[in-house]
Amino acid sequence: MKRETLLLKIALFLIGTPIAALCLFGLPTLAMEAAGWKLAYVVYGMLVIIYASAVPFYAALFQAFKLLRLIDQKNAFSGSSVKALKTIKKCAITISLFYVAGMPLFYTLAEVDDAPGVIVIGMTFLFGSAVIAIFAAVLQKLLNNAIEIKFENDLTV
């Protein structure tokens, strides 16, 4: 069973590494370049939102890793896995709310730069995390139903 989840654990690592590199190296460079701009406050606001959304992002990655570890231990149908999915759902909702709050900043930057693609980038983060929240909620409900059926079957036997 460990071999099947190894690929998913590697994928989690590969998802988290570029975001960490962006937060550590890319965004501070952007902030230094934006210091001379007339709309630096917009870029700084976007940076605050990106950094703030990185916290629930890594919390969700940790919960996904925890969920994979539970699957490895053949303990997928447990309350711990439901709790991990619930945390992933809450983190995705939090990220969506951060980007909903930041959409005026994306809009302002798009108006000044005359680049509507900036709004599309913000919407991608917003809707991507919303899809993850919905998917986690569906999986959480499905797992709750499976645990109830398993419990009823254990009582029957």
Protein backbone atom coordinates (compact mmCIF):
# COMPACT_ATOMS: atom_id res chain seq x y z
CA MET A 1 0.00 0.00 0.00
CA LYS A 2 2.90 2.35 0.66
CA ARG A 3 4.02 2.21 -2.94
CA GLU A 4 0.69 3.51 -4.22
CA THR A 5 0.72 6.56 -1.97
CA LEU A 6 4.40 7.31 -2.54
CA LEU A 7 3.60 8.96 -5.87
CA LEU A 8 0.97 11.12 -4.18
CA LYS A 9 3.39 12.11 -1.41
CA ILE A 10 5.96 13.08 -4.03
CA ALA A 11 3.26 15.10 -5.81
CA LEU A 12 2.50 16.94 -2.57
CA PHE A 13 6.18 17.77 -2.22
CA LEU A 14 6.35 18.94 -5.83
CA ILE A 15 3.29 21.13 -5.30
CA GLY A 16 4.67 22.74 -2.15
CA THR A 17 8.24 23.36 -3.32
CA PRO A 18 7.55 25.96 -6.05
CA ILE A 19 5.18 27.87 -3.77
CA ALA A 20 7.86 28.00 -1.07
CA ALA A 21 10.42 29.18 -3.63
CA LEU A 22 8.01 31.84 -4.85
CA CYS A 23 7.34 33.06 -1.32
CA LEU A 24 11.03 33.08 -0.36
CA PHE A 25 12.63 34.41 -3.54
CA GLY A 26 10.14 35.61 -6.17
CA LEU A 27 7.76 37.74 -4.15
CA PRO A 28 10.43 39.70 -2.22
CA THR A 29 12.06 40.55 -5.57
CA LEU A 30 8.71 41.75 -6.86
CA ALA A 31 8.23 43.84 -3.72
CA MET A 32 11.62 45.52 -4.19
CA GLU A 33 10.81 46.31 -7.81
CA ALA A 34 7.38 47.66 -6.88
CA ALA A 35 8.84 50.11 -4.36
CA GLY A 36 9.24 52.75 -7.07
CA TRP A 37 5.84 52.28 -8.68
CA LYS A 38 3.04 54.76 -8.17
CA LEU A 39 0.65 51.91 -7.24
CA ALA A 40 3.03 50.11 -4.91
CA TYR A 41 0.28 49.84 -2.30
CA VAL A 42 -1.71 47.60 -4.69
CA VAL A 43 1.26 45.28 -5.21
CA TYR A 44 1.96 45.23 -1.47
CA GLY A 45 -1.67 44.38 -0.78
CA MET A 46 -1.51 41.53 -3.27
CA LEU A 47 1.70 40.31 -1.62
CA VAL A 48 -0.01 40.31 1.77
CA ILE A 49 -2.86 38.23 0.36
CA ILE A 50 -0.48 35.79 -1.31
CA TYR A 51 1.59 35.35 1.86
CA ALA A 52 -1.55 35.06 4.01
CA SER A 53 -2.97 32.40 1.70
CA ALA A 54 0.28 30.42 1.87
CA VAL A 55 -0.39 29.54 5.52
CA PRO A 56 -3.68 27.65 4.93
CA PHE A 57 -2.18 26.21 1.74
CA TYR A 58 0.61 24.52 3.68
CA ALA A 59 -1.81 23.49 6.42
CA ALA A 60 -3.92 21.75 3.76
CA LEU A 61 -0.81 20.09 2.28
CA PHE A 62 0.11 18.81 5.73
CA GLN A 63 -3.41 17.41 6.22
CA ALA A 64 -3.24 15.73 2.81
CA PHE A 65 0.07 14.14 3.80
CA LYS A 66 -1.52 13.04 7.08
CA LEU A 67 -4.43 11.53 5.12
CA LEU A 68 -2.01 9.60 2.90
CA ARG A 69 -0.22 8.34 5.99
CA LEU A 70 -3.55 7.10 7.40
CA ILE A 71 -4.18 5.28 4.12
CA ASP A 72 -0.73 3.67 4.41
CA GLN A 73 -1.59 2.47 7.91
CA LYS A 74 -4.86 0.96 6.58
CA ASN A 75 -6.78 3.40 8.74
CA ALA A 76 -8.50 5.38 5.98
CA PHE A 77 -12.01 4.83 7.33
CA SER A 78 -11.56 6.62 10.64
CA GLY A 79 -12.49 9.83 12.35
CA SER A 80 -8.96 11.14 11.80
CA SER A 81 -9.37 11.01 8.05
CA VAL A 82 -12.71 12.82 8.27
CA LYS A 83 -11.07 15.46 10.45
CA ALA A 84 -8.23 15.86 7.93
CA LEU A 85 -10.72 16.34 5.09
CA LYS A 86 -12.64 18.87 7.18
CA THR A 87 -9.43 20.83 7.78
CA ILE A 88 -8.58 20.73 4.07
CA LYS A 89 -12.06 22.07 3.31
CA LYS A 90 -11.69 24.90 5.82
CA CYS A 91 -8.25 25.81 4.45
CA ALA A 92 -9.56 25.91 0.89
CA ILE A 93 -12.47 28.12 1.95
CA THR A 94 -10.04 30.43 3.75
CA ILE A 95 -7.88 30.73 0.64
CA SER A 96 -10.97 31.51 -1.44
CA LEU A 97 -11.99 34.23 1.01
CA PHE A 98 -8.52 35.78 0.87
CA TYR A 99 -8.73 36.02 -2.90
CA VAL A 100 -12.31 37.32 -2.82
CA ALA A 101 -11.05 40.10 -0.55
CA GLY A 102 -8.10 40.70 -2.86
CA MET A 103 -10.00 40.86 -6.15
CA PRO A 104 -10.33 44.67 -6.01
CA LEU A 105 -6.53 44.84 -5.88
CA PHE A 106 -6.24 42.53 -8.90
CA TYR A 107 -8.82 44.69 -10.69
CA THR A 108 -6.95 47.92 -9.87
CA LEU A 109 -3.67 46.50 -11.15
CA ALA A 110 -5.40 45.23 -14.31
CA GLU A 111 -6.92 48.67 -14.95
CA VAL A 112 -3.62 50.49 -14.58
CA ASP A 113 -1.59 47.94 -16.53
CA ASP A 114 -4.40 47.42 -19.06
CA ALA A 115 -3.88 43.70 -18.64
CA PRO A 116 -7.10 41.77 -18.04
CA GLY A 117 -5.05 38.60 -17.52
CA VAL A 118 -4.27 39.76 -14.00
CA ILE A 119 -7.93 39.35 -13.08
CA VAL A 120 -7.91 35.87 -14.61
CA ILE A 121 -4.95 34.94 -12.39
CA GLY A 122 -6.85 36.04 -9.28
CA MET A 123 -9.99 34.22 -10.39
CA THR A 124 -7.97 31.05 -11.03
CA PHE A 125 -6.76 30.98 -7.43
CA LEU A 126 -10.23 31.79 -6.18
CA PHE A 127 -12.12 29.16 -8.17
CA GLY A 128 -9.36 26.56 -7.83
CA SER A 129 -9.53 26.66 -4.07
CA ALA A 130 -13.34 26.72 -4.19
CA VAL A 131 -13.32 23.52 -6.27
CA ILE A 132 -10.97 21.90 -3.76
CA ALA A 133 -13.28 22.94 -0.90
CA ILE A 134 -16.30 21.42 -2.64
CA PHE A 135 -14.41 18.24 -3.48
CA ALA A 136 -13.18 17.89 0.13
CA ALA A 137 -16.73 18.42 1.41
CA VAL A 138 -18.07 15.70 -0.89
CA LEU A 139 -15.29 13.31 0.15
CA GLN A 140 -15.92 14.12 3.81
CA LYS A 141 -19.61 13.29 3.50
CA LEU A 142 -18.86 10.14 1.53
CA LEU A 143 -16.31 9.02 4.11
CA ASN A 144 -18.76 9.69 6.95
CA ASN A 145 -21.35 7.49 5.20
CA ALA A 146 -18.77 4.76 4.61
CA ILE A 147 -17.75 4.83 8.28
CA GLU A 148 -21.40 4.56 9.35
CA ILE A 149 -21.95 1.57 7.02
CA LYS A 150 -18.75 -0.05 8.30
CA PHE A 151 -19.89 0.46 11.90
CA GLU A 152 -23.30 -1.08 11.14
CA ASN A 153 -21.64 -4.06 9.45
CA ASP A 154 -19.31 -4.55 12.41
CA LEU A 155 -22.34 -4.67 14.71
CA THR A 156 -24.09 -7.18 12.42
CA VAL A 157 -21.21 -9.63 12.35
